[in-house]
Protein backbone atom coordinates (compact mmCIF):
# COMPACT_ATOMS: atom_id res chain seq x y z
CA UNK A 1 0.00 0.00 0.00
CA UNK A 2 2.78 2.40 0.93
CA UNK A 3 4.57 1.63 -2.33
CA UNK A 4 1.39 2.45 -4.27
CA UNK A 5 1.03 5.76 -2.43
CA UNK A 6 4.66 6.68 -3.10
CA UNK A 7 4.28 5.75 -6.76
CA UNK A 8 1.15 7.88 -6.99
CA UNK A 9 2.90 10.83 -5.34
CA UNK A 10 5.78 10.48 -7.81
CA UNK A 11 3.37 10.50 -10.74
CA UNK A 12 1.68 13.61 -9.37
CA UNK A 13 5.05 15.34 -8.94
CA UNK A 14 6.16 14.43 -12.44
CA UNK A 15 2.86 15.58 -13.88
CA UNK A 16 3.16 18.88 -11.99
CA UNK A 17 6.67 19.42 -13.35
CA UNK A 18 5.50 18.63 -16.86
CA UNK A 19 2.58 20.99 -16.62
CA UNK A 20 4.58 23.80 -15.05
CA UNK A 21 4.24 26.76 -17.36
CA UNK A 22 7.46 27.90 -18.97
CA UNK A 23 8.14 31.62 -18.55
CA UNK A 24 7.06 33.52 -21.64
CA UNK A 25 9.61 35.46 -23.65
CA UNK A 26 7.93 38.87 -23.54
CA UNK A 27 10.65 41.11 -24.95
CA UNK A 28 9.24 42.57 -28.20
CA UNK A 29 12.04 41.19 -30.41
CA UNK A 30 12.34 37.50 -31.22
CA UNK A 31 15.35 35.98 -29.49
CA UNK A 32 16.49 34.39 -32.75
CA UNK A 33 17.09 37.88 -34.13
CA UNK A 34 18.83 39.01 -30.95
CA UNK A 35 21.36 36.16 -30.84
CA UNK A 36 21.99 36.24 -34.58
CA UNK A 37 25.42 37.41 -35.75
CA UNK A 38 23.55 40.12 -37.66
CA UNK A 39 23.04 41.76 -34.25
CA UNK A 40 26.66 41.44 -33.10
CA UNK A 41 27.86 44.57 -31.32
CA UNK A 42 31.16 45.82 -32.72
CA UNK A 43 33.18 48.55 -31.01
CA UNK A 44 36.46 49.08 -29.18
CA UNK A 45 35.28 47.00 -26.25
CA UNK A 46 33.81 44.28 -28.49
CA UNK A 47 36.23 44.01 -31.44
CA UNK A 48 36.08 41.42 -34.18
CA UNK A 49 38.90 38.91 -34.39
CA UNK A 50 41.57 39.74 -36.94
CA UNK A 51 40.80 36.46 -38.72
CA UNK A 52 37.08 37.17 -38.98
CA UNK A 53 35.72 37.42 -42.50
CA UNK A 54 32.02 37.08 -43.38
CA UNK A 55 31.24 33.87 -45.24
CA UNK A 56 28.54 35.36 -47.47
CA UNK A 57 30.13 38.45 -49.03
CA UNK A 58 28.67 39.49 -52.38
CA UNK A 59 29.25 42.47 -54.69
CA UNK A 60 27.11 45.54 -54.07
CA UNK A 61 25.34 46.63 -57.24
CA UNK A 62 24.47 50.28 -56.60
CA UNK A 63 25.83 53.65 -57.66
CA UNK A 64 29.32 54.01 -56.17
CA UNK A 65 31.84 56.76 -55.58
CA UNK A 66 34.48 54.82 -57.55
CA UNK A 67 34.85 51.85 -59.87
CA UNK A 68 36.38 49.72 -57.11
CA UNK A 69 34.32 46.60 -56.32
CA UNK A 70 32.59 46.83 -52.97
CA UNK A 71 31.28 43.89 -50.97
CA UNK A 72 28.83 43.24 -48.17
CA UNK A 73 26.96 40.41 -46.54
CA UNK A 74 24.20 39.18 -48.83
CA UNK A 75 21.25 40.07 -46.58
CA UNK A 76 22.57 43.58 -46.02
CA UNK A 77 23.41 44.08 -49.70
CA UNK A 78 19.87 43.13 -50.73
CA UNK A 79 18.45 45.68 -48.26
CA UNK A 80 20.91 48.35 -49.40
CA UNK A 81 20.02 47.85 -53.07
CA UNK A 82 16.31 48.10 -52.21
CA UNK A 83 16.98 51.30 -50.30
CA UNK A 84 18.89 52.87 -53.20
CA UNK A 85 16.03 51.99 -55.55
CA UNK A 86 13.48 53.56 -53.18
CA UNK A 87 15.60 56.71 -52.88
CA UNK A 88 15.77 56.95 -56.66
CA UNK A 89 11.96 56.88 -56.85
CA UNK A 90 11.89 59.76 -54.36
CA UNK A 91 14.27 61.78 -56.51
CA UNK A 92 17.22 61.14 -54.19
CA UNK A 93 20.56 60.09 -55.67
CA UNK A 94 22.74 58.14 -53.25
CA UNK A 95 26.31 56.93 -53.63
CA UNK A 96 28.07 54.09 -51.83
CA UNK A 97 31.47 55.26 -50.63
CA UNK A 98 32.60 52.36 -48.45
CA UNK A 99 31.46 48.84 -47.65
CA UNK A 100 33.25 45.74 -46.32
CA UNK A 101 36.83 46.23 -45.21
CA UNK A 102 39.08 43.44 -44.02
CA UNK A 103 41.05 43.65 -40.78
CA UNK A 104 44.28 44.17 -42.70
CA UNK A 105 42.79 46.99 -44.78
CA UNK A 106 41.50 48.68 -41.63
CA UNK A 107 44.90 48.25 -40.01
CA UNK A 108 46.57 49.99 -42.95
CA UNK A 109 44.05 52.84 -42.89
CA UNK A 110 44.49 53.29 -39.15
CA UNK A 111 48.29 53.29 -39.39
CA UNK A 112 48.21 55.82 -42.21
CA UNK A 113 45.90 58.07 -40.21
CA UNK A 114 48.20 57.96 -37.18
CA UNK A 115 51.20 58.80 -39.35
CA UNK A 116 49.35 61.73 -40.89
CA UNK A 117 48.38 63.05 -37.44
CA UNK A 118 51.83 62.50 -35.92
CA UNK A 119 50.63 59.64 -33.74
CA UNK A 120 47.42 61.27 -32.54
CA UNK A 121 44.23 59.18 -32.84
CA UNK A 122 41.49 61.61 -33.91
CA UNK A 123 38.93 58.76 -33.91
CA UNK A 124 38.00 59.35 -37.56
CA UNK A 125 39.45 55.98 -38.52
CA UNK A 126 38.57 53.08 -36.23
CA UNK A 127 41.14 50.85 -34.58
CA UNK A 128 41.51 47.51 -36.42
CA UNK A 129 38.87 45.06 -35.24
CA UNK A 130 36.60 47.77 -33.88
CA UNK A 131 35.37 48.89 -37.29
CA UNK A 132 31.88 47.74 -38.26
CA UNK A 133 32.99 47.63 -41.88
CA UNK A 134 34.78 44.36 -41.12
CA UNK A 135 31.38 42.83 -40.29
CA UNK A 136 30.16 43.32 -43.85
CA UNK A 137 26.98 44.85 -42.44
CA UNK A 138 27.92 48.54 -42.54
CA UNK A 139 28.10 51.01 -45.40
CA UNK A 140 29.00 54.65 -45.89
CA UNK A 141 26.26 56.24 -48.00
CA UNK A 142 26.64 59.79 -49.30
CA UNK A 143 25.58 62.19 -52.05
CA UNK A 144 27.47 63.24 -55.17
CA UNK A 145 29.39 66.01 -53.39
CA UNK A 146 30.74 63.79 -50.64
CA UNK A 147 31.31 60.96 -53.08
CA UNK A 148 33.98 63.12 -54.72
CA UNK A 149 35.28 64.73 -51.52
CA UNK A 150 38.33 63.31 -49.77
CA UNK A 151 36.91 63.75 -46.28
CA UNK A 152 33.57 63.43 -44.55
CA UNK A 153 31.86 65.66 -42.02
CA UNK A 154 28.54 65.99 -40.22
CA UNK A 155 27.38 68.54 -42.76
CA UNK A 156 26.10 65.63 -44.82
CA UNK A 157 23.05 65.51 -42.57
CA UNK A 158 21.94 68.93 -43.84
CA UNK A 159 21.76 67.70 -47.42
CA UNK A 160 18.59 66.30 -48.98
CA UNK A 161 20.31 62.93 -49.26
CA UNK A 162 21.42 62.97 -45.62
CA UNK A 163 17.95 63.82 -44.40
CA UNK A 164 16.37 61.14 -46.58
CA UNK A 165 18.81 58.54 -45.28
CA UNK A 166 18.11 59.50 -41.68
CA UNK A 167 14.33 59.36 -42.15
CA UNK A 168 14.13 56.20 -44.26
CA UNK A 169 17.00 53.81 -43.53
CA UNK A 170 15.07 51.94 -40.80
CA UNK A 171 12.46 50.97 -43.41
CA UNK A 172 15.14 48.73 -44.88
CA UNK A 173 16.62 47.41 -41.63
CA UNK A 174 19.40 49.98 -41.17
CA UNK A 175 20.24 52.42 -38.39
CA UNK A 176 22.44 55.48 -38.28
CA UNK A 177 25.06 53.71 -36.20
CA UNK A 178 26.71 56.75 -34.63
CA UNK A 179 23.96 59.27 -33.78
CA UNK A 180 24.60 62.89 -32.91
CA UNK A 181 23.27 62.61 -29.37
CA UNK A 182 24.98 59.33 -28.45
CA UNK A 183 28.65 60.22 -28.83
CA UNK A 184 29.27 59.75 -25.09
CA UNK A 185 28.03 56.17 -25.41
CA UNK A 186 29.34 55.07 -28.80
CA UNK A 187 32.63 56.93 -28.27
CA UNK A 188 32.45 57.81 -31.96
CA UNK A 189 31.80 61.22 -33.46
CA UNK A 190 28.52 61.77 -35.29
CA UNK A 191 28.53 60.02 -38.67
CA UNK A 192 25.23 60.62 -40.50
CA UNK A 193 26.55 58.65 -43.49
CA UNK A 194 27.44 55.42 -41.66
CA UNK A 195 24.59 52.90 -41.58
CA UNK A 196 24.49 49.44 -40.03
CA UNK A 197 22.16 46.63 -41.04
CA UNK A 198 20.33 45.01 -38.11
CA UNK A 199 17.08 43.84 -39.70
CA UNK A 200 13.66 45.46 -39.75
CA UNK A 201 12.51 44.54 -36.25
CA UNK A 202 15.62 45.69 -34.43
CA UNK A 203 16.20 48.79 -36.55
CA UNK A 204 12.65 50.05 -36.08
CA UNK A 205 12.65 49.22 -32.37
CA UNK A 206 15.88 51.19 -31.88
CA UNK A 207 14.46 54.11 -33.84
CA UNK A 208 11.20 54.11 -31.87
CA UNK A 209 13.00 54.00 -28.52
CA UNK A 210 15.90 56.30 -29.48
CA UNK A 211 18.59 53.73 -28.76
CA UNK A 212 22.07 53.29 -30.14
CA UNK A 213 23.38 49.76 -30.58
CA UNK A 214 25.24 49.80 -27.27
CA UNK A 215 22.07 50.77 -25.38
CA UNK A 216 19.95 48.25 -27.24
CA UNK A 217 22.43 45.46 -26.56
CA UNK A 218 22.49 46.27 -22.86
CA UNK A 219 18.68 46.33 -22.77
CA UNK A 220 18.00 43.00 -24.49
CA UNK A 221 20.75 41.20 -22.61
CA UNK A 222 19.24 42.42 -19.34
CA UNK A 223 15.87 41.06 -20.53
CA UNK A 224 17.49 37.71 -21.34
CA UNK A 225 19.17 37.59 -17.94
CA UNK A 226 15.83 38.24 -16.21
CA UNK A 227 14.17 35.57 -18.37
CA UNK A 228 16.81 33.00 -17.49
CA UNK A 229 16.55 33.87 -13.79
CA UNK A 230 12.88 32.84 -14.00
CA UNK A 231 13.83 29.46 -15.40
CA UNK A 232 13.68 30.23 -19.10
CA UNK A 233 16.34 29.25 -21.59
CA UNK A 234 17.23 30.38 -25.08
CA UNK A 235 16.10 27.04 -26.46
CA UNK A 236 12.68 27.29 -24.81
CA UNK A 237 12.28 30.84 -26.08
CA UNK A 238 13.10 29.70 -29.61
CA UNK A 239 10.65 26.81 -29.25
CA UNK A 240 7.98 29.29 -28.14
CA UNK A 241 8.72 31.52 -31.13
CA UNK A 242 8.56 28.54 -33.48
CA UNK A 243 5.13 27.61 -32.19
CA UNK A 244 3.96 31.22 -32.32
CA UNK A 245 5.05 31.68 -35.93
CA UNK A 246 4.01 28.26 -37.21
CA UNK A 247 1.31 28.47 -39.88
CA UNK A 248 -2.22 27.26 -39.26
CA UNK A 249 -3.18 24.54 -41.74
CA UNK A 250 -6.75 24.34 -42.98
CA UNK A 251 -8.26 21.88 -45.45
CA UNK A 252 -11.30 22.45 -47.61
CA UNK A 253 -13.01 19.78 -49.69
CA UNK A 254 -13.83 21.10 -53.15
CA UNK A 255 -16.84 20.09 -55.24
CA UNK A 256 -14.65 18.25 -57.74
CA UNK A 257 -13.38 15.99 -54.97
CA UNK A 258 -9.99 17.69 -54.56
CA UNK A 259 -8.77 19.03 -51.25
CA UNK A 260 -7.48 22.60 -50.99
CA UNK A 261 -4.87 23.22 -48.30
CA UNK A 262 -4.18 26.76 -47.11
CA UNK A 263 -1.60 28.14 -44.69
CA UNK A 264 -2.15 31.12 -42.44
CA UNK A 265 0.96 32.61 -40.88
CA UNK A 266 0.98 34.46 -37.57
CA UNK A 267 2.99 37.64 -37.12
């Protein structure tokens, strides 16, 4: 009798554990997007390894400031080309001035800048590894004037092209990576021409909440830490997202005897 009672108690306990509700991932961005390498923070404190090179670099087919081939990660290049096409429809002519740069190229640029400034780092050229250009997800986008100019300055924002870029880049998954009012956080001077691809959800969330990438990263990682402290895991969050985004399947019998299957996807 005692053994039966103990066995019953064990079954109840196991059933209770099985039925225990997993904590819901309530942060408004899917965790798959957050942990993707597309969302990798790159700066002086979080540099890329000198051996890092994106595996999916493709040529960028847009109007450029020179005939030199420029590359970027495929997902970012597709978004950039769509953005250039949209700008063209709005009567805005954009030029691509810089795209992917390898660690060695960045190292050469940085060394040349130091030599020109007699060893002083004016922060206009990023230290090797800390440049987002190595990620293949960042681009310098300008107008015809700055495409021909040797240097860049914040005056680009006051141009029609600069304003269009600022107002529209999030529609294509980009952010102005180094905003004017975030220099104390990014440690980089305002660069209205430098855009970073993060995807539509993240880019629009950052725009809506006035966040730079450092702030956004701190926020979502704090949300993940709180989620994990409640017993959640990344795998359970992904499983939840998979269920939430799985299509609903419906079948309808047609008069001719065929069956029509339709899928309805959730947002």
